[in-house]
C-alpha atoms as a PDB file:
ATOM      1  CA  MET A   1     -21.877 -21.718 -28.041  1.00  0.00           C
ATOM      2  CA  LYS A   2     -23.975 -20.397 -25.270  1.00  0.00           C
ATOM      3  CA  GLU A   3     -26.257 -17.500 -25.885  1.00  0.00           C
ATOM      4  CA  ILE A   4     -24.332 -14.116 -25.309  1.00  0.00           C
ATOM      5  CA  ARG A   5     -26.430 -11.807 -23.553  1.00  0.00           C
ATOM      6  CA  ALA A   6     -25.495  -8.032 -24.516  1.00  0.00           C
ATOM      7  CA  LEU A   7     -25.730  -4.832 -23.101  1.00  0.00           C
ATOM      8  CA  VAL A   8     -25.535  -1.370 -25.140  1.00  0.00           C
ATOM      9  CA  ALA A   9     -25.029   1.607 -23.386  1.00  0.00           C
ATOM     10  CA  ASP A  10     -24.547   5.049 -25.721  1.00  0.00           C
ATOM     11  CA  ASP A  11     -26.173   8.253 -25.193  1.00  0.00           C
ATOM     12  CA  GLU A  12     -26.395   8.922 -29.120  1.00  0.00           C
ATOM     13  CA  LEU A  13     -29.164   6.992 -30.568  1.00  0.00           C
ATOM     14  CA  PRO A  14     -27.984   6.690 -34.024  1.00  0.00           C
ATOM     15  CA  ALA A  15     -24.547   5.276 -32.828  1.00  0.00           C
ATOM     16  CA  ARG A  16     -26.508   2.838 -29.826  1.00  0.00           C
ATOM     17  CA  GLY A  17     -28.924   1.565 -32.882  1.00  0.00           C
ATOM     18  CA  GLU A  18     -26.227   0.509 -35.105  1.00  0.00           C
ATOM     19  CA  LEU A  19     -24.051  -1.047 -32.563  1.00  0.00           C
ATOM     20  CA  THR A  20     -27.524  -3.106 -31.399  1.00  0.00           C
ATOM     21  CA  TYR A  21     -28.089  -4.083 -35.342  1.00  0.00           C
ATOM     22  CA  GLU A  22     -23.882  -5.366 -35.692  1.00  0.00           C
ATOM     23  CA  LEU A  23     -24.842  -7.080 -32.864  1.00  0.00           C
ATOM     24  CA  SER A  24     -27.864  -8.825 -33.671  1.00  0.00           C
ATOM     25  CA  ASN A  25     -26.431 -10.132 -36.770  1.00  0.00           C
ATOM     26  CA  ILE A  26     -23.936 -12.038 -34.504  1.00  0.00           C
ATOM     27  CA  PRO A  27     -25.246 -15.966 -34.051  1.00  0.00           C
ATOM     28  CA  GLY A  28     -25.646 -16.833 -30.759  1.00  0.00           C
ATOM     29  CA  VAL A  29     -25.833 -13.194 -29.452  1.00  0.00           C
ATOM     30  CA  LYS A  30     -28.841 -11.345 -27.760  1.00  0.00           C
ATOM     31  CA  VAL A  31     -29.616  -7.757 -26.807  1.00  0.00           C
ATOM     32  CA  ILE A  32     -31.180  -7.416 -23.820  1.00  0.00           C
ATOM     33  CA  GLY A  33     -31.068  -3.890 -23.097  1.00  0.00           C
ATOM     34  CA  GLU A  34     -30.207  -0.381 -24.077  1.00  0.00           C
ATOM     35  CA  CYS A  35     -28.609   2.374 -22.167  1.00  0.00           C
ATOM     36  CA  GLY A  36     -28.614   6.042 -22.418  1.00  0.00           C
ATOM     37  CA  ASN A  37     -25.722   6.601 -19.590  1.00  0.00           C
ATOM     38  CA  GLY A  38     -23.992   5.181 -16.855  1.00  0.00           C
ATOM     39  CA  ARG A  39     -26.561   5.022 -14.187  1.00  0.00           C
ATOM     40  CA  GLU A  40     -28.955   3.627 -16.437  1.00  0.00           C
ATOM     41  CA  VAL A  41     -26.396   0.710 -16.946  1.00  0.00           C
ATOM     42  CA  LEU A  42     -25.930   0.437 -13.206  1.00  0.00           C
ATOM     43  CA  ALA A  43     -29.682   0.126 -12.740  1.00  0.00           C
ATOM     44  CA  PHE A  44     -29.754  -2.159 -15.319  1.00  0.00           C
ATOM     45  CA  LEU A  45     -27.231  -4.750 -13.819  1.00  0.00           C
ATOM     46  CA  LYS A  46     -28.933  -4.262 -10.449  1.00  0.00           C
ATOM     47  CA  THR A  47     -31.736  -6.009 -12.204  1.00  0.00           C
ATOM     48  CA  HIS A  48     -30.441  -7.829 -14.851  1.00  0.00           C
ATOM     49  CA  PRO A  49     -27.282  -9.618 -13.541  1.00  0.00           C
ATOM     50  CA  ASN A  50     -26.911 -12.605 -15.723  1.00  0.00           C
ATOM     51  CA  VAL A  51     -25.544 -10.017 -18.476  1.00  0.00           C
ATOM     52  CA  ASP A  52     -22.553 -11.702 -20.220  1.00  0.00           C
ATOM     53  CA  ILE A  53     -20.987  -8.306 -22.257  1.00  0.00           C
ATOM     54  CA  LEU A  54     -21.612  -4.796 -21.818  1.00  0.00           C
ATOM     55  CA  PHE A  55     -20.385  -2.292 -25.022  1.00  0.00           C
ATOM     56  CA  LEU A  56     -20.344   1.241 -22.878  1.00  0.00           C
ATOM     57  CA  ASP A  57     -19.601   4.593 -24.887  1.00  0.00           C
ATOM     58  CA  ILE A  58     -17.517   6.696 -22.553  1.00  0.00           C
ATOM     59  CA  GLU A  59     -18.613   9.993 -23.380  1.00  0.00           C
ATOM     60  CA  MET A  60     -22.003  10.099 -21.718  1.00  0.00           C
ATOM     61  CA  PRO A  61     -24.513  12.854 -19.778  1.00  0.00           C
ATOM     62  CA  LEU A  62     -24.678  12.128 -15.570  1.00  0.00           C
ATOM     63  CA  MET A  63     -22.318   9.561 -15.313  1.00  0.00           C
ATOM     64  CA  ASN A  64     -19.352   8.675 -18.168  1.00  0.00           C
ATOM     65  CA  GLY A  65     -18.601   5.053 -18.747  1.00  0.00           C
ATOM     66  CA  LEU A  66     -15.116   5.391 -16.893  1.00  0.00           C
ATOM     67  CA  GLU A  67     -17.067   6.296 -13.710  1.00  0.00           C
ATOM     68  CA  CYS A  68     -19.900   3.679 -14.558  1.00  0.00           C
ATOM     69  CA  ALA A  69     -16.563   0.992 -15.118  1.00  0.00           C
ATOM     70  CA  LYS A  70     -15.141   2.081 -11.865  1.00  0.00           C
ATOM     71  CA  GLU A  71     -18.620   0.972  -9.797  1.00  0.00           C
ATOM     72  CA  ILE A  72     -19.176  -2.152 -11.711  1.00  0.00           C
ATOM     73  CA  VAL A  73     -15.262  -2.776 -10.507  1.00  0.00           C
ATOM     74  CA  ARG A  74     -16.525  -1.776  -6.990  1.00  0.00           C
ATOM     75  CA  MET A  75     -19.246  -3.996  -7.309  1.00  0.00           C
ATOM     76  CA  ASP A  76     -17.623  -6.981  -8.450  1.00  0.00           C
ATOM     77  CA  LEU A  77     -19.948  -7.641 -11.258  1.00  0.00           C
ATOM     78  CA  SER A  78     -18.940 -10.101 -13.744  1.00  0.00           C
ATOM     79  CA  VAL A  79     -20.136  -8.573 -17.056  1.00  0.00           C
ATOM     80  CA  LYS A  80     -17.221  -8.245 -19.591  1.00  0.00           C
ATOM     81  CA  VAL A  81     -16.712  -4.300 -20.307  1.00  0.00           C
ATOM     82  CA  VAL A  82     -15.698  -3.182 -24.027  1.00  0.00           C
ATOM     83  CA  PHE A  83     -15.323   0.642 -24.043  1.00  0.00           C
ATOM     84  CA  ALA A  84     -16.626   1.798 -27.352  1.00  0.00           C
ATOM     85  CA  THR A  85     -15.726   5.525 -28.169  1.00  0.00           C
ATOM     86  CA  GLY A  86     -14.450   7.518 -30.873  1.00  0.00           C
ATOM     87  CA  TYR A  87     -11.415   8.826 -28.866  1.00  0.00           C
ATOM     88  CA  SER A  88      -8.231   6.826 -28.491  1.00  0.00           C
ATOM     89  CA  GLN A  89      -6.782   8.833 -25.823  1.00  0.00           C
ATOM     90  CA  PHE A  90      -8.918   6.579 -23.255  1.00  0.00           C
ATOM     91  CA  ALA A  91      -7.231   3.036 -24.175  1.00  0.00           C
ATOM     92  CA  VAL A  92      -4.551   2.866 -21.415  1.00  0.00           C
ATOM     93  CA  LYS A  93      -7.436   3.948 -18.602  1.00  0.00           C
ATOM     94  CA  ALA A  94      -9.863   1.640 -20.069  1.00  0.00           C
ATOM     95  CA  PHE A  95      -7.193  -1.409 -19.243  1.00  0.00           C
ATOM     96  CA  ASP A  96      -6.881  -0.171 -15.829  1.00  0.00           C
ATOM     97  CA  LEU A  97     -10.370  -0.614 -14.813  1.00  0.00           C
ATOM     98  CA  GLU A  98     -10.321  -4.518 -16.371  1.00  0.00           C
ATOM     99  CA  ALA A  99     -11.582  -3.898 -19.952  1.00  0.00           C
ATOM    100  CA  PHE A 100     -12.413  -6.990 -22.018  1.00  0.00           C
ATOM    101  CA  ASP A 101     -11.618  -5.062 -24.863  1.00  0.00           C
ATOM    102  CA  TYR A 102     -11.662  -1.334 -26.369  1.00  0.00           C
ATOM    103  CA  ILE A 103     -12.993  -0.726 -29.850  1.00  0.00           C
ATOM    104  CA  LEU A 104     -13.355   2.817 -31.633  1.00  0.00           C
ATOM    105  CA  LYS A 105     -16.199   4.253 -33.758  1.00  0.00           C
ATOM    106  CA  PRO A 106     -16.875   4.215 -36.589  1.00  0.00           C
ATOM    107  CA  TYR A 107     -17.836   0.534 -35.755  1.00  0.00           C
ATOM    108  CA  ASP A 108     -16.407  -2.136 -37.721  1.00  0.00           C
ATOM    109  CA  GLU A 109     -18.452  -5.126 -38.390  1.00  0.00           C
ATOM    110  CA  ALA A 110     -15.474  -7.537 -38.254  1.00  0.00           C
ATOM    111  CA  ARG A 111     -13.793  -6.133 -35.134  1.00  0.00           C
ATOM    112  CA  ILE A 112     -16.987  -6.364 -33.306  1.00  0.00           C
ATOM    113  CA  ALA A 113     -17.340 -10.197 -34.435  1.00  0.00           C
ATOM    114  CA  ARG A 114     -13.646 -10.786 -33.178  1.00  0.00           C
ATOM    115  CA  THR A 115     -14.549  -9.323 -29.663  1.00  0.00           C
ATOM    116  CA  ILE A 116     -17.561 -11.774 -29.291  1.00  0.00           C
ATOM    117  CA  SER A 117     -15.775 -14.752 -30.628  1.00  0.00           C
ATOM    118  CA  ARG A 118     -12.817 -14.186 -28.083  1.00  0.00           C
ATOM    119  CA  LEU A 119     -15.505 -14.069 -25.414  1.00  0.00           C
ATOM    120  CA  ALA A 120     -17.616 -17.748 -26.704  1.00  0.00           C
ATOM    121  CA  ASP A 121     -14.126 -18.748 -26.212  1.00  0.00           C
ATOM    122  CA  SER A 122     -13.439 -17.502 -22.777  1.00  0.00           C
ATOM    123  CA  LEU A 123     -16.895 -18.603 -21.591  1.00  0.00           C
ATOM    124  CA  ALA A 124     -16.603 -21.878 -23.368  1.00  0.00           C
ATOM    125  CA  LEU A 125     -12.725 -22.336 -21.209  1.00  0.00           C
ATOM    126  CA  MET A 126     -14.231 -21.191 -17.976  1.00  0.00           C
ATOM    127  CA  GLU A 127     -17.200 -24.002 -18.425  1.00  0.00           C
ATOM    128  CA  LYS A 128     -14.844 -27.061 -18.561  1.00  0.00           C
ATOM    129  CA  GLU A 129     -13.727 -28.712 -15.437  1.00  0.00           C
ATOM    130  CA  ARG A 130      -9.734 -27.609 -14.691  1.00  0.00           C
ATOM    131  CA  ALA A 131      -7.043 -30.308 -13.791  1.00  0.00           C
ATOM    132  CA  PRO A 132      -4.816 -29.724 -11.070  1.00  0.00           C
ATOM    133  CA  GLY A 133      -2.024 -27.328 -12.089  1.00  0.00           C
ATOM    134  CA  GLU A 134      -4.322 -25.150 -14.218  1.00  0.00           C
ATOM    135  CA  ILE A 135      -6.461 -21.823 -13.212  1.00  0.00           C
ATOM    136  CA  VAL A 136     -10.159 -21.164 -13.257  1.00  0.00           C
ATOM    137  CA  SER A 137     -12.250 -17.778 -12.914  1.00  0.00           C
ATOM    138  CA  THR A 138     -14.013 -16.915 -10.118  1.00  0.00           C
ATOM    139  CA  SER A 139     -15.670 -13.856 -11.228  1.00  0.00           C
ATOM    140  CA  GLN A 140     -13.060 -10.945 -10.776  1.00  0.00           C
ATOM    141  CA  LYS A 141     -10.363 -13.450  -9.546  1.00  0.00           C
ATOM    142  CA  ILE A 142      -8.480 -16.910 -10.495  1.00  0.00           C
ATOM    143  CA  SER A 143      -7.473 -19.755  -8.240  1.00  0.00           C
ATOM    144  CA  LEU A 144      -3.532 -20.825  -9.345  1.00  0.00           C
ATOM    145  CA  GLN A 145      -2.907 -23.875  -8.561  1.00  0.00           C
ATOM    146  CA  THR A 146       0.000 -25.096  -7.530  1.00  0.00           C
ATOM    147  CA  GLN A 147       1.777 -27.905  -5.657  1.00  0.00           C
ATOM    148  CA  GLY A 148       0.063 -28.490  -2.382  1.00  0.00           C
ATOM    149  CA  LYS A 149      -1.909 -25.309  -2.266  1.00  0.00           C
ATOM    150  CA  THR A 150      -4.101 -23.170  -4.167  1.00  0.00           C
ATOM    151  CA  ILE A 151      -3.614 -19.234  -4.037  1.00  0.00           C
ATOM    152  CA  MET A 152      -6.201 -16.960  -4.878  1.00  0.00           C
ATOM    153  CA  ILE A 153      -5.185 -14.054  -7.334  1.00  0.00           C
ATOM    154  CA  SER A 154      -7.160 -10.926  -9.008  1.00  0.00           C
ATOM    155  CA  PRO A 155      -5.408 -10.653 -12.461  1.00  0.00           C
ATOM    156  CA  ALA A 156      -5.679  -7.576 -13.343  1.00  0.00           C
ATOM    157  CA  GLN A 157      -4.033  -6.374 -10.127  1.00  0.00           C
ATOM    158  CA  GLU A 158      -1.427  -8.846  -8.854  1.00  0.00           C
ATOM    159  CA  ILE A 159      -0.341 -10.515 -12.046  1.00  0.00           C
ATOM    160  CA  ILE A 160       2.270  -8.634 -14.067  1.00  0.00           C
ATOM    161  CA  LEU A 161       3.492 -11.071 -16.717  1.00  0.00           C
ATOM    162  CA  ILE A 162       3.944 -14.783 -17.553  1.00  0.00           C
ATOM    163  CA  SER A 163       6.568 -16.420 -19.338  1.00  0.00           C
ATOM    164  CA  SER A 164       7.439 -19.800 -20.314  1.00  0.00           C
ATOM    165  CA  GLU A 165      10.773 -21.494 -21.135  1.00  0.00           C
ATOM    166  CA  LYS A 166       9.601 -24.886 -21.277  1.00  0.00           C
ATOM    167  CA  SER A 167       6.293 -26.445 -22.727  1.00  0.00           C
ATOM    168  CA  ASP A 168       4.937 -27.689 -19.517  1.00  0.00           C
ATOM    169  CA  ARG A 169       5.086 -25.122 -17.005  1.00  0.00           C
ATOM    170  CA  ALA A 170       4.265 -21.472 -16.535  1.00  0.00           C
ATOM    171  CA  LEU A 171       6.025 -19.070 -14.544  1.00  0.00           C
ATOM    172  CA  PHE A 172       3.135 -16.074 -12.722  1.00  0.00           C
ATOM    173  CA  TYR A 173       5.468 -13.247 -11.964  1.00  0.00           C
ATOM    174  CA  THR A 174       2.866 -11.520  -9.476  1.00  0.00           C
ATOM    175  CA  THR A 175       3.015  -8.970  -6.735  1.00  0.00           C
ATOM    176  CA  ARG A 176       3.626 -11.629  -4.284  1.00  0.00           C
ATOM    177  CA  GLY A 177       6.663 -13.324  -6.032  1.00  0.00           C
ATOM    178  CA  ILE A 178       7.276 -15.509  -9.211  1.00  0.00           C
ATOM    179  CA  ILE A 179       4.731 -18.609  -8.931  1.00  0.00           C
ATOM    180  CA  GLU A 180       5.229 -21.983 -10.830  1.00  0.00           C
ATOM    181  CA  SER A 181       2.170 -23.527 -12.263  1.00  0.00           C
ATOM    182  CA  LYS A 182       1.629 -26.696 -14.973  1.00  0.00           C
ATOM    183  CA  MET A 183       0.063 -24.740 -17.479  1.00  0.00           C
ATOM    184  CA  THR A 184       0.792 -23.851 -21.230  1.00  0.00           C
ATOM    185  CA  LEU A 185       0.521 -20.405 -22.183  1.00  0.00           C
ATOM    186  CA  ARG A 186      -1.673 -20.998 -24.813  1.00  0.00           C
ATOM    187  CA  ASP A 187      -4.287 -22.154 -22.150  1.00  0.00           C
ATOM    188  CA  ILE A 188      -3.443 -19.185 -20.123  1.00  0.00           C
ATOM    189  CA  GLU A 189      -3.801 -16.220 -23.222  1.00  0.00           C
ATOM    190  CA  SER A 190      -7.346 -17.923 -23.178  1.00  0.00           C
ATOM    191  CA  LEU A 191      -8.621 -17.451 -20.191  1.00  0.00           C
ATOM    192  CA  LEU A 192      -6.731 -14.034 -19.166  1.00  0.00           C
ATOM    193  CA  SER A 193      -6.853 -12.204 -22.676  1.00  0.00           C
ATOM    194  CA  PRO A 194     -10.447 -10.764 -21.337  1.00  0.00           C
ATOM    195  CA  LEU A 195      -8.936  -9.428 -18.427  1.00  0.00           C
ATOM    196  CA  GLY A 196      -6.420  -7.095 -20.111  1.00  0.00           C
ATOM    197  CA  PHE A 197      -3.874  -9.405 -20.684  1.00  0.00           C
ATOM    198  CA  PHE A 198      -1.895  -9.508 -24.226  1.00  0.00           C
ATOM    199  CA  ARG A 199       0.206 -12.454 -25.703  1.00  0.00           C
ATOM    200  CA  THR A 200       3.629 -10.174 -26.946  1.00  0.00           C
ATOM    201  CA  HIS A 201       5.861 -13.457 -27.470  1.00  0.00           C
ATOM    202  CA  LYS A 202       5.762 -16.912 -27.967  1.00  0.00           C
ATOM    203  CA  GLY A 203       7.426 -17.141 -24.283  1.00  0.00           C
ATOM    204  CA  TYR A 204       5.483 -14.230 -22.667  1.00  0.00           C
ATOM    205  CA  ILE A 205       2.041 -12.738 -22.009  1.00  0.00           C
ATOM    206  CA  VAL A 206       2.105  -9.310 -20.181  1.00  0.00           C
ATOM    207  CA  ASN A 207      -0.697  -7.096 -18.039  1.00  0.00           C
ATOM    208  CA  LEU A 208      -1.176  -4.279 -20.269  1.00  0.00           C
ATOM    209  CA  SER A 209      -1.875  -1.851 -17.618  1.00  0.00           C
ATOM    210  CA  MET A 210       1.455  -3.074 -15.566  1.00  0.00           C
ATOM    211  CA  ILE A 211       3.293  -1.718 -18.639  1.00  0.00           C
ATOM    212  CA  GLN A 212       5.710   1.228 -18.027  1.00  0.00           C
ATOM    213  CA  GLU A 213       7.460   1.834 -20.705  1.00  0.00           C
ATOM    214  CA  ILE A 214       7.677   1.041 -24.306  1.00  0.00           C
ATOM    215  CA  GLN A 215      11.396   1.177 -26.150  1.00  0.00           C
ATOM    216  CA  ASN A 216      11.486   0.859 -30.015  1.00  0.00           C
ATOM    217  CA  GLN A 217      14.614  -1.357 -31.189  1.00  0.00           C
ATOM    218  CA  ASP A 218      16.687  -1.130 -34.067  1.00  0.00           C
ATOM    219  CA  ASN A 219      15.219  -4.552 -35.825  1.00  0.00           C
ATOM    220  CA  GLY A 220      11.698  -3.044 -35.625  1.00  0.00           C
ATOM    221  CA  THR A 221      10.609  -4.798 -32.812  1.00  0.00           C
ATOM    222  CA  LEU A 222       9.923  -3.515 -29.110  1.00  0.00           C
ATOM    223  CA  LEU A 223      10.929  -3.869 -25.496  1.00  0.00           C
ATOM    224  CA  LEU A 224       8.233  -3.410 -22.450  1.00  0.00           C
ATOM    225  CA  THR A 225       9.239  -2.589 -18.816  1.00  0.00           C
ATOM    226  CA  LEU A 226       6.849  -3.318 -16.364  1.00  0.00           C
ATOM    227  CA  SER A 227       6.201  -2.311 -12.979  1.00  0.00           C
ATOM    228  CA  HIS A 228       7.484  -4.412  -9.677  1.00  0.00           C
ATOM    229  CA  TYR A 229       9.943  -6.437 -12.276  1.00  0.00           C
ATOM    230  CA  PRO A 230      11.732  -3.830 -13.910  1.00  0.00           C
ATOM    231  CA  LYS A 231      14.740  -5.792 -14.767  1.00  0.00           C
ATOM    232  CA  GLU A 232      12.557  -8.195 -16.878  1.00  0.00           C
ATOM    233  CA  LYS A 233      12.856  -6.745 -20.139  1.00  0.00           C
ATOM    234  CA  VAL A 234       9.561  -8.519 -22.408  1.00  0.00           C
ATOM    235  CA  PRO A 235       9.811  -8.545 -26.072  1.00  0.00           C
ATOM    236  CA  VAL A 236       7.019  -8.067 -28.280  1.00  0.00           C
ATOM    237  CA  SER A 237       8.312 -10.164 -31.685  1.00  0.00           C
ATOM    238  CA  ARG A 238       7.638  -8.776 -35.070  1.00  0.00           C
ATOM    239  CA  HIS A 239       4.806 -11.927 -34.993  1.00  0.00           C
ATOM    240  CA  TYR A 240       2.751  -9.461 -32.268  1.00  0.00           C
ATOM    241  CA  ILE A 241       3.577  -5.861 -32.905  1.00  0.00           C
ATOM    242  CA  LYS A 242       0.650  -5.016 -35.302  1.00  0.00           C
ATOM    243  CA  ASP A 243      -1.556  -6.614 -32.762  1.00  0.00           C
ATOM    244  CA  PHE A 244      -0.392  -4.647 -30.029  1.00  0.00           C
ATOM    245  CA  LYS A 245       0.424  -1.392 -31.536  1.00  0.00           C
ATOM    246  CA  ASN A 246      -3.774  -1.654 -32.150  1.00  0.00           C
ATOM    247  CA  THR A 247      -4.542  -2.635 -28.822  1.00  0.00           C
ATOM    248  CA  LEU A 248      -2.984   0.407 -27.207  1.00  0.00           C
ATOM    249  CA  HIS A 249      -3.809   2.430 -30.468  1.00  0.00           C
ATOM    250  CA  LEU A 250       0.181   2.985 -30.976  1.00  0.00           C
ATOM    251  CA  VAL A 251       0.600   5.200 -34.218  1.00  0.00           C
END
């Protein structure tokens, strides 16, 4: 695994120190900086563009985490943002800002380790050479190769959901229409999970920021309505429902 370079931003020194300590104990992770507010983060990133992951507190003085993340998106920086906060009500806003992950204080060692593991898997996948019909990440966009052409897409803004009825192809429901690709959902999940996508069923992956409505079903599962394709009701199966609720901090 390539060394993962981390930046920690929190205005509270004890919380910042705790997170830095937890990260430093994970093999392959190096904390290369600490910041006390969003302005310091942006200044650091301008001089250290090689940061892989940013753990960003939301409530900070001068510039809070949400404002900082908006600037990072605008600047098209490749750093993965993990929001770290003591409050769960910011979850939806976080994924709207292309958050890689969202963790709650007090920090849990296992939870942080899972975040780093997901990032390592994502970085390893993006370093591989991709065959025709697969997708590769290029900063905030991916190239989706279909028959005879390559389409550049911003996943968080343009991909609504991905479905698969056959093992050898997947359907991307996008703001431009439905695009067919020769790729497995497993590979798609590995690449898009860091960009705010979630596997809800063996045949579906959804963009969390595109969810409009969540319906409880009599059998204990959930049914999702997404923007642009309201007639495509997407199930959340029992196998995925616990992680889905934890991700969105649903009671």
